[in-house]
Amino acid sequence: MVTIVEIGSTKVVAIAAEIGEGQRIEILGLVTADCHGVKKGAIVDLAAASRSVDSALRHLAQDIGRSEINEVALVISGPQLEGSSVQGFKPIIPKNRAITNQDVMEVVNHSKSGIFPPDRVLIQTIPREFRVDEVRSVSKPVGMSGAKLEVISYMVTGMANHVQNFEEAVKMSGREVEQFIFGPLASGLGVVGQTDLDKGTVVIDMGASKTDVSIFVNGALAHSVCIPVGGNNVTNDLSQLLNCDFDEAERLKIGYGCAFADGISEKEAIEVHQLGQPTARPMQRKVLCEIIESRMKEVAKLIRQHVEKSGYGGVLEAGVILTGGATQLPKSKELFSAALNGMPVRIVEPNIKNGKPQVGLAAAIGAISFVLQTSEDLSPISKSDSWQDRAKGLWSMFSGKN
């Protein structure tokens, strides 16, 4: 059994799962709890965040009939994390002998041996592609013969204090962090299929306070970014411009909001409970939607810029996948498609309970998949207990993928 914890700005998600019959993931328990002490994806009150984690894990343990949960895999994200492609090289001596698991670990370790600032720590190293001599796009080099082995890896580092705060929030609850899972990677794996991975896709996970963007090319994570803007920013805009409190703005957004104002009749009216006013006042619904559209377009424009800067914009045949609570507004697909130069857009949420989509759980579900279904071929020969010494590829994520 593995337990995944995701500490968000508004909620903590805790999931326990294991591999069941037919190598399928079986969800044993799922708990969401209110989260306190986190703002814009960063911990601002360690004790409050730890209490939130403890509450979620205690309820999860009760739900699955366990006395306690001692170890968790922790999803971590935020602008404080960065990913980059790195390369490793290793000569095979003697030449043309069979490549071993130890060779693979050594070349992966070489790829992550670059120097980064002392205020940053390594989170994950994810092999993207192996090369044996002149043969490229090798997924499993063990057993092949060659004179040299190369790897292209995606290395994720984070600000040391940011990572330590999340780890400490779990430790203060009496548990240990077994490993970290990079949030944009997890979000993507929670909603993509094998075809999406292979053809190339961009996944946009828009939550309450941030938007994670992950680009997958040739079956691997190739680029990612976290934009510190989410659904709460839309609500804050409404609150300020309509002179109402946050809860009223959220009610209006969910009940009457639309990502595109075009097509909304100017004759359609809604009522707003403004601050300092004894009774609700009427306003055009179109004005509400125009405010929403402005902020959503800003996010979509930033994403387009990052996609263009990544250099992968022309190879994303599977288009765009939207996920997360902030993408549930009507016409979100149309807005993002227009902003991303007409790319096809789908809204996808993971199905884990009774076949019904679960909004806002893409990262947690993707992390479960990563921990339980990804290849273990790259575990260190030394069987190190350090999560920083482990590396996993995505090539066994899906059944039937060799």
Protein backbone atom coordinates (compact mmCIF):
# COMPACT_ATOMS: atom_id res chain seq x y z
CA MET A 1 0.00 0.00 0.00
CA VAL A 2 1.13 3.55 -0.72
CA THR A 3 -0.26 6.79 0.66
CA ILE A 4 -0.21 10.02 -1.33
CA VAL A 5 -0.57 13.44 0.27
CA GLU A 6 -1.08 16.69 -1.61
CA ILE A 7 -1.02 19.89 0.45
CA GLY A 8 -2.86 22.62 -1.44
CA SER A 9 -3.83 26.17 -0.62
CA THR A 10 -7.43 25.21 0.15
CA LYS A 11 -7.38 21.46 0.80
CA VAL A 12 -5.25 18.48 1.74
CA VAL A 13 -5.82 15.33 -0.31
CA ALA A 14 -4.82 11.97 1.14
CA ILE A 15 -5.21 8.75 -0.84
CA ALA A 16 -4.27 5.17 0.00
CA ALA A 17 -3.98 2.70 -2.87
CA GLU A 18 -2.43 -0.58 -3.94
CA ILE A 19 -2.09 -2.75 -7.02
CA GLY A 20 -5.04 -5.14 -7.25
CA GLU A 21 -6.12 -7.85 -9.65
CA GLY A 22 -4.99 -7.47 -13.22
CA GLN A 23 -2.35 -4.94 -12.15
CA ARG A 24 -5.01 -2.29 -11.76
CA ILE A 25 -4.80 0.44 -9.16
CA GLU A 26 -7.24 -0.10 -6.31
CA ILE A 27 -8.15 2.98 -4.28
CA LEU A 28 -8.49 1.92 -0.64
CA GLY A 29 -9.44 5.30 0.74
CA LEU A 30 -9.70 8.96 -0.23
CA VAL A 31 -9.97 11.93 2.12
CA THR A 32 -10.02 15.67 1.47
CA ALA A 33 -9.71 18.09 4.37
CA ASP A 34 -9.62 21.86 4.65
CA CYS A 35 -6.08 23.18 4.55
CA HIS A 36 -4.81 26.04 6.67
CA GLY A 37 -1.41 27.69 6.74
CA VAL A 38 -0.78 27.57 2.97
CA LYS A 39 -1.01 30.53 0.59
CA LYS A 40 -0.24 30.55 -3.12
CA GLY A 41 1.25 27.06 -2.85
CA ALA A 42 3.72 27.96 -0.06
CA ILE A 43 3.54 27.18 3.66
CA VAL A 44 3.10 30.33 5.77
CA ASP A 45 2.05 28.67 9.05
CA LEU A 46 3.87 25.39 9.64
CA ALA A 47 1.83 24.31 12.66
CA ALA A 48 -1.49 24.95 10.91
CA ALA A 49 -0.39 23.10 7.79
CA SER A 50 0.80 20.16 9.88
CA ARG A 51 -2.52 19.97 11.72
CA SER A 52 -4.30 19.88 8.36
CA VAL A 53 -2.10 17.00 7.21
CA ASP A 54 -2.64 15.15 10.49
CA SER A 55 -6.42 15.55 10.25
CA ALA A 56 -6.52 14.17 6.70
CA LEU A 57 -4.28 11.19 7.50
CA ARG A 58 -6.14 10.33 10.71
CA HIS A 59 -9.43 10.22 8.82
CA LEU A 60 -7.84 8.19 6.04
CA ALA A 61 -6.45 5.65 8.52
CA GLN A 62 -9.90 5.28 10.07
CA ASP A 63 -11.54 4.83 6.67
CA ILE A 64 -9.18 2.02 5.63
CA GLY A 65 -9.10 0.30 9.03
CA ARG A 66 -5.48 1.10 9.89
CA SER A 67 -4.27 2.15 13.31
CA GLU A 68 -1.88 4.65 11.75
CA ILE A 69 -0.11 5.73 8.56
CA ASN A 70 3.62 6.27 8.99
CA GLU A 71 4.99 7.05 5.52
CA VAL A 72 3.66 9.11 2.63
CA ALA A 73 4.65 10.18 -0.86
CA LEU A 74 4.23 13.95 -1.00
CA VAL A 75 3.14 15.89 -4.08
CA ILE A 76 5.01 19.19 -4.25
CA SER A 77 4.70 22.09 -6.67
CA GLY A 78 4.93 25.86 -6.86
CA PRO A 79 6.98 28.55 -8.62
CA GLN A 80 9.84 27.64 -6.26
CA LEU A 81 10.41 24.44 -8.28
CA GLU A 82 12.11 24.32 -11.67
CA GLY A 83 12.73 21.58 -14.22
CA SER A 84 15.36 21.32 -16.93
CA SER A 85 16.67 18.75 -19.37
CA VAL A 86 20.11 17.35 -18.53
CA GLN A 87 22.34 14.79 -20.24
CA GLY A 88 24.43 11.93 -18.91
CA PHE A 89 27.10 9.80 -20.61
CA LYS A 90 28.86 6.55 -19.75
CA PRO A 91 31.30 4.43 -21.80
CA ILE A 92 30.58 0.70 -21.74
CA ILE A 93 33.75 -1.19 -20.84
CA PRO A 94 34.61 -3.60 -22.31
CA LYS A 95 32.96 -2.43 -25.50
CA ASN A 96 29.81 -4.13 -26.76
CA ARG A 97 29.08 -6.00 -23.57
CA ALA A 98 25.48 -6.16 -22.32
CA ILE A 99 24.31 -3.03 -20.51
CA THR A 100 23.37 -3.66 -16.89
CA ASN A 101 21.06 -2.03 -14.39
CA GLN A 102 24.15 -0.61 -12.68
CA ASP A 103 25.20 1.06 -15.96
CA VAL A 104 21.78 2.67 -16.22
CA MET A 105 21.91 3.98 -12.65
CA GLU A 106 25.39 5.37 -13.22
CA VAL A 107 24.42 7.23 -16.38
CA VAL A 108 21.29 8.64 -14.71
CA ASN A 109 23.40 9.73 -11.73
CA HIS A 110 25.80 11.39 -14.15
CA SER A 111 22.92 13.31 -15.72
CA LYS A 112 21.97 14.80 -12.34
CA SER A 113 25.51 15.54 -11.22
CA GLY A 114 25.46 19.09 -12.51
CA ILE A 115 26.05 21.92 -10.10
CA PHE A 116 23.06 23.96 -8.98
CA PRO A 117 22.91 26.78 -6.39
CA PRO A 118 23.34 25.79 -2.72
CA ASP A 119 19.89 27.14 -1.88
CA ARG A 120 18.27 24.52 -4.13
CA VAL A 121 17.76 20.77 -3.60
CA LEU A 122 17.10 17.93 -6.01
CA ILE A 123 13.49 16.75 -6.08
CA GLN A 124 13.31 14.23 -8.93
CA THR A 125 15.28 13.01 -11.91
CA ILE A 126 13.07 11.46 -14.58
CA PRO A 127 14.80 9.74 -17.52
CA ARG A 128 13.27 10.88 -20.82
CA GLU A 129 15.29 8.96 -23.40
CA PHE A 130 18.27 6.59 -23.50
CA ARG A 131 20.67 6.31 -26.41
CA VAL A 132 22.86 3.30 -27.08
CA ASP A 133 25.63 4.22 -29.53
CA GLU A 134 23.70 5.73 -32.47
CA VAL A 135 20.33 4.27 -31.52
CA ARG A 136 18.03 6.93 -30.09
CA SER A 137 14.69 6.80 -28.25
CA VAL A 138 15.60 3.66 -26.30
CA SER A 139 13.31 3.16 -23.31
CA LYS A 140 14.92 0.08 -21.72
CA PRO A 141 18.63 -0.25 -22.47
CA VAL A 142 19.35 -3.08 -20.01
CA GLY A 143 20.51 -6.14 -21.95
CA MET A 144 21.41 -4.22 -25.12
CA SER A 145 25.00 -4.23 -26.34
CA GLY A 146 26.95 -1.08 -27.07
CA ALA A 147 30.06 1.02 -26.56
CA LYS A 148 28.41 4.05 -24.96
CA LEU A 149 25.21 4.81 -23.08
CA GLU A 150 23.59 8.23 -22.91
CA VAL A 151 20.48 9.54 -21.21
CA ILE A 152 18.40 12.70 -21.45
CA SER A 153 16.73 13.30 -18.07
CA TYR A 154 14.31 15.87 -16.74
CA MET A 155 15.76 17.14 -13.47
CA VAL A 156 13.59 19.01 -10.96
CA THR A 157 15.06 21.17 -8.21
CA GLY A 158 13.37 23.32 -5.61
CA MET A 159 14.20 26.11 -3.20
CA ALA A 160 15.56 24.32 -0.14
CA ASN A 161 13.40 26.19 2.38
CA HIS A 162 10.23 25.55 0.35
CA VAL A 163 10.90 21.81 0.18
CA GLN A 164 11.97 21.60 3.83
CA ASN A 165 8.81 23.34 5.00
CA PHE A 166 6.59 20.81 3.24
CA GLU A 167 8.65 17.93 4.59
CA GLU A 168 8.54 19.40 8.08
CA ALA A 169 4.74 19.79 7.91
CA VAL A 170 4.51 16.03 7.41
CA LYS A 171 7.13 15.24 10.07
CA MET A 172 5.37 17.40 12.65
CA SER A 173 2.28 15.28 12.08
CA GLY A 174 4.30 12.22 13.12
CA ARG A 175 4.89 10.80 9.63
CA GLU A 176 7.85 10.57 7.26
CA VAL A 177 8.11 11.61 3.62
CA GLU A 178 9.15 8.52 1.67
CA GLN A 179 9.48 10.41 -1.62
CA PHE A 180 8.48 13.63 -3.36
CA ILE A 181 6.43 13.68 -6.57
CA PHE A 182 6.70 16.72 -8.84
CA GLY A 183 3.24 18.31 -9.08
CA PRO A 184 3.09 19.12 -12.82
CA LEU A 185 4.28 15.59 -13.63
CA ALA A 186 1.62 14.12 -11.34
CA SER A 187 -1.15 16.32 -12.76
CA GLY A 188 -0.31 15.18 -16.27
CA LEU A 189 -0.19 11.51 -15.37
CA GLY A 190 -3.55 11.83 -13.65
CA VAL A 191 -5.36 12.66 -16.89
CA VAL A 192 -3.26 11.56 -19.87
CA GLY A 193 -3.38 8.22 -21.66
CA GLN A 194 -0.69 6.40 -23.57
CA THR A 195 -1.68 8.02 -26.87
CA ASP A 196 -1.52 11.49 -25.31
CA LEU A 197 1.94 10.79 -23.94
CA ASP A 198 3.29 9.48 -27.23
CA LYS A 199 1.74 12.07 -29.55
CA GLY A 200 2.56 15.03 -27.35
CA THR A 201 0.22 17.05 -25.17
CA VAL A 202 0.13 19.99 -22.79
CA VAL A 203 -1.74 19.55 -19.51
CA ILE A 204 -3.07 22.62 -17.71
CA ASP A 205 -4.07 22.00 -14.07
CA MET A 206 -5.69 25.20 -12.81
CA GLY A 207 -6.31 25.13 -9.09
CA ALA A 208 -7.24 27.71 -6.49
CA SER A 209 -3.96 29.63 -6.28
CA LYS A 210 -1.72 28.34 -9.06
CA THR A 211 -1.74 26.74 -12.49
CA ASP A 212 0.61 23.84 -13.25
CA VAL A 213 1.53 23.35 -16.89
CA SER A 214 3.24 20.17 -18.09
CA ILE A 215 4.30 19.28 -21.63
CA PHE A 216 4.74 15.63 -22.59
CA VAL A 217 6.61 14.66 -25.74
CA ASN A 218 7.50 11.16 -26.96
CA GLY A 219 6.16 9.53 -23.82
CA ALA A 220 8.02 11.68 -21.29
CA LEU A 221 7.85 14.97 -19.43
CA ALA A 222 9.73 17.53 -21.51
CA HIS A 223 8.83 20.90 -19.98
CA SER A 224 6.88 22.33 -17.06
CA VAL A 225 6.05 25.60 -15.37
CA CYS A 226 3.98 26.78 -12.42
CA ILE A 227 2.08 30.04 -12.88
CA PRO A 228 1.09 31.62 -9.52
CA VAL A 229 -2.43 32.46 -10.66
CA GLY A 230 -5.55 30.33 -10.15
CA GLY A 231 -9.28 30.34 -9.59
CA ASN A 232 -9.03 32.42 -6.42
CA ASN A 233 -7.53 35.26 -8.45
CA VAL A 234 -10.69 35.30 -10.56
CA THR A 235 -12.77 35.42 -7.39
CA ASN A 236 -10.63 38.21 -5.93
CA ASP A 237 -11.09 40.26 -9.11
CA LEU A 238 -14.85 39.89 -8.80
CA SER A 239 -14.77 40.76 -5.10
CA GLN A 240 -12.83 43.98 -5.70
CA LEU A 241 -14.59 45.17 -8.84
CA LEU A 242 -18.10 44.31 -7.65
CA ASN A 243 -17.48 45.51 -4.07
CA CYS A 244 -18.57 42.25 -2.45
CA ASP A 245 -16.95 39.77 -0.09
CA PHE A 246 -15.04 36.69 -1.28
CA ASP A 247 -17.85 34.21 -0.58
CA GLU A 248 -20.36 36.27 -2.55
CA ALA A 249 -17.91 36.60 -5.44
CA GLU A 250 -17.34 32.83 -5.43
CA ARG A 251 -21.11 32.24 -5.45
CA LEU A 252 -21.52 34.50 -8.45
CA LYS A 253 -18.59 32.93 -10.29
CA ILE A 254 -19.85 29.37 -9.82
CA GLY A 255 -23.52 30.14 -10.33
CA TYR A 256 -23.39 32.60 -13.21
CA GLY A 257 -19.84 32.79 -14.49
CA CYS A 258 -18.60 32.02 -17.99
CA ALA A 259 -15.08 32.14 -19.41
CA PHE A 260 -16.32 33.94 -22.54
CA ALA A 261 -18.62 36.95 -22.24
CA ASP A 262 -19.47 36.88 -25.94
CA GLY A 263 -23.00 35.58 -26.40
CA ILE A 264 -24.22 36.63 -22.95
CA SER A 265 -27.23 38.89 -23.35
CA GLU A 266 -26.94 42.40 -21.95
CA LYS A 267 -30.54 42.05 -20.81
CA GLU A 268 -29.71 39.16 -18.46
CA ALA A 269 -29.50 40.42 -14.88
CA ILE A 270 -28.22 38.92 -11.64
CA GLU A 271 -28.27 40.18 -8.05
CA VAL A 272 -25.15 41.08 -6.09
CA HIS A 273 -24.91 41.47 -2.32
CA GLN A 274 -22.45 44.35 -2.08
CA LEU A 275 -20.56 45.41 1.03
CA GLY A 276 -22.39 48.00 3.10
CA GLN A 277 -25.64 47.61 1.18
CA PRO A 278 -28.76 46.35 3.02
CA THR A 279 -30.27 44.74 -0.07
CA ALA A 280 -28.99 43.02 -3.19
CA ARG A 281 -28.46 45.17 -6.27
CA PRO A 282 -29.03 44.12 -9.87
CA MET A 283 -26.23 44.03 -12.43
CA GLN A 284 -25.66 42.68 -15.91
CA ARG A 285 -24.47 39.10 -15.95
CA LYS A 286 -22.33 40.04 -18.95
CA VAL A 287 -20.26 42.39 -16.77
CA LEU A 288 -19.55 39.49 -14.40
CA CYS A 289 -18.42 37.30 -17.30
CA GLU A 290 -16.26 40.07 -18.78
CA ILE A 291 -14.31 40.29 -15.51
CA ILE A 292 -13.84 36.53 -15.49
CA GLU A 293 -12.83 36.46 -19.14
CA SER A 294 -10.17 39.10 -18.59
CA ARG A 295 -8.37 37.10 -15.90
CA MET A 296 -8.77 33.76 -17.69
CA LYS A 297 -7.34 35.25 -20.88
CA GLU A 298 -4.35 36.51 -18.90
CA VAL A 299 -3.63 32.99 -17.65
CA ALA A 300 -4.12 31.48 -21.11
CA LYS A 301 -1.78 34.09 -22.65
CA LEU A 302 0.95 33.25 -20.12
CA ILE A 303 0.56 29.56 -20.91
CA ARG A 304 0.81 30.22 -24.65
CA GLN A 305 4.02 32.15 -24.09
CA HIS A 306 5.52 29.29 -22.09
CA VAL A 307 4.49 26.72 -24.71
CA GLU A 308 6.06 28.81 -27.46
CA LYS A 309 9.21 29.37 -25.41
CA SER A 310 9.53 25.62 -24.74
CA GLY A 311 9.99 24.93 -28.46
CA TYR A 312 7.49 22.05 -28.38
CA GLY A 313 4.45 23.92 -29.67
CA GLY A 314 4.63 22.30 -33.09
CA VAL A 315 4.73 18.68 -31.88
CA LEU A 316 1.73 18.55 -29.55
CA GLU A 317 -0.53 16.44 -31.75
CA ALA A 318 -2.81 15.42 -28.86
CA GLY A 319 -3.58 19.06 -28.10
CA VAL A 320 -4.44 20.50 -24.71
CA ILE A 321 -5.96 18.86 -21.64
CA LEU A 322 -7.59 21.10 -19.03
CA THR A 323 -8.11 19.85 -15.49
CA GLY A 324 -8.72 21.33 -12.06
CA GLY A 325 -11.61 23.17 -10.44
CA ALA A 326 -10.91 26.52 -12.09
CA THR A 327 -11.34 25.03 -15.58
CA GLN A 328 -14.94 24.00 -14.92
CA LEU A 329 -16.37 27.35 -15.98
CA PRO A 330 -18.53 27.14 -19.13
CA LYS A 331 -16.63 27.92 -22.36
CA SER A 332 -13.21 27.38 -20.76
CA LYS A 333 -12.33 25.08 -23.66
CA GLU A 334 -13.21 27.74 -26.20
CA LEU A 335 -11.19 30.42 -24.40
CA PHE A 336 -8.03 28.31 -24.08
CA SER A 337 -8.30 27.03 -27.65
CA ALA A 338 -8.52 30.59 -28.98
CA ALA A 339 -5.61 31.75 -26.83
CA LEU A 340 -3.47 28.76 -27.85
CA ASN A 341 -3.77 29.39 -31.57
CA GLY A 342 -6.67 27.03 -32.18
CA MET A 343 -5.18 23.91 -30.55
CA PRO A 344 -7.81 21.26 -29.72
CA VAL A 345 -8.77 21.40 -26.05
CA ARG A 346 -10.42 18.79 -23.80
CA ILE A 347 -11.46 18.92 -20.16
CA VAL A 348 -10.48 15.70 -18.36
CA GLU A 349 -10.83 14.71 -14.72
CA PRO A 350 -9.71 11.35 -13.26
CA ASN A 351 -12.36 8.67 -12.74
CA ILE A 352 -11.74 6.84 -9.48
CA LYS A 353 -15.09 6.38 -7.70
CA ASN A 354 -18.15 4.87 -9.35
CA GLY A 355 -16.87 6.00 -12.74
CA LYS A 356 -17.56 9.63 -11.89
CA PRO A 357 -14.97 12.35 -12.59
CA GLN A 358 -13.28 13.72 -9.48
CA VAL A 359 -12.54 17.42 -9.95
CA GLY A 360 -9.27 18.71 -8.52
CA LEU A 361 -7.63 15.33 -7.89
CA ALA A 362 -5.49 14.96 -11.01
CA ALA A 363 -2.17 15.45 -9.19
CA ALA A 364 -2.98 13.04 -6.36
CA ILE A 365 -4.22 10.35 -8.75
CA GLY A 366 -1.26 10.85 -11.05
CA ALA A 367 1.12 10.51 -8.12
CA ILE A 368 -0.52 7.18 -7.21
CA SER A 369 0.02 5.99 -10.78
CA PHE A 370 3.63 7.14 -10.76
CA VAL A 371 4.48 5.38 -7.51
CA LEU A 372 2.64 2.12 -8.25
CA GLN A 373 2.95 1.71 -12.01
CA THR A 374 6.20 3.26 -13.16
CA SER A 375 9.27 1.19 -13.86
CA GLU A 376 11.36 0.03 -10.91
CA ASP A 377 14.26 -0.89 -13.23
CA LEU A 378 16.23 2.12 -12.05
CA SER A 379 16.32 1.37 -8.32
CA PRO A 380 19.90 1.69 -7.05
CA ILE A 381 21.86 -1.54 -6.69
CA SER A 382 22.70 -0.40 -3.15
CA LYS A 383 18.98 -0.27 -2.30
CA SER A 384 19.46 3.21 -0.87
CA ASP A 385 16.67 4.44 1.37
CA SER A 386 17.04 8.02 0.16
CA TRP A 387 14.26 9.22 -2.15
CA GLN A 388 16.84 11.45 -3.83
CA ASP A 389 18.75 8.37 -5.03
CA ARG A 390 15.80 6.92 -6.93
CA ALA A 391 14.91 7.46 -10.56
CA LYS A 392 11.89 6.19 -12.47
CA GLY A 393 10.90 6.19 -16.10
CA LEU A 394 7.36 6.42 -17.45
CA TRP A 395 7.54 3.59 -19.96
CA SER A 396 5.62 1.09 -17.81
CA MET A 397 2.89 3.52 -16.78
CA PHE A 398 0.31 1.93 -19.03
CA SER A 399 -0.51 -1.72 -19.55
CA GLY A 400 0.63 -2.96 -22.91
CA LYS A 401 3.39 -0.37 -23.22
CA ASN A 402 6.68 -2.14 -23.69
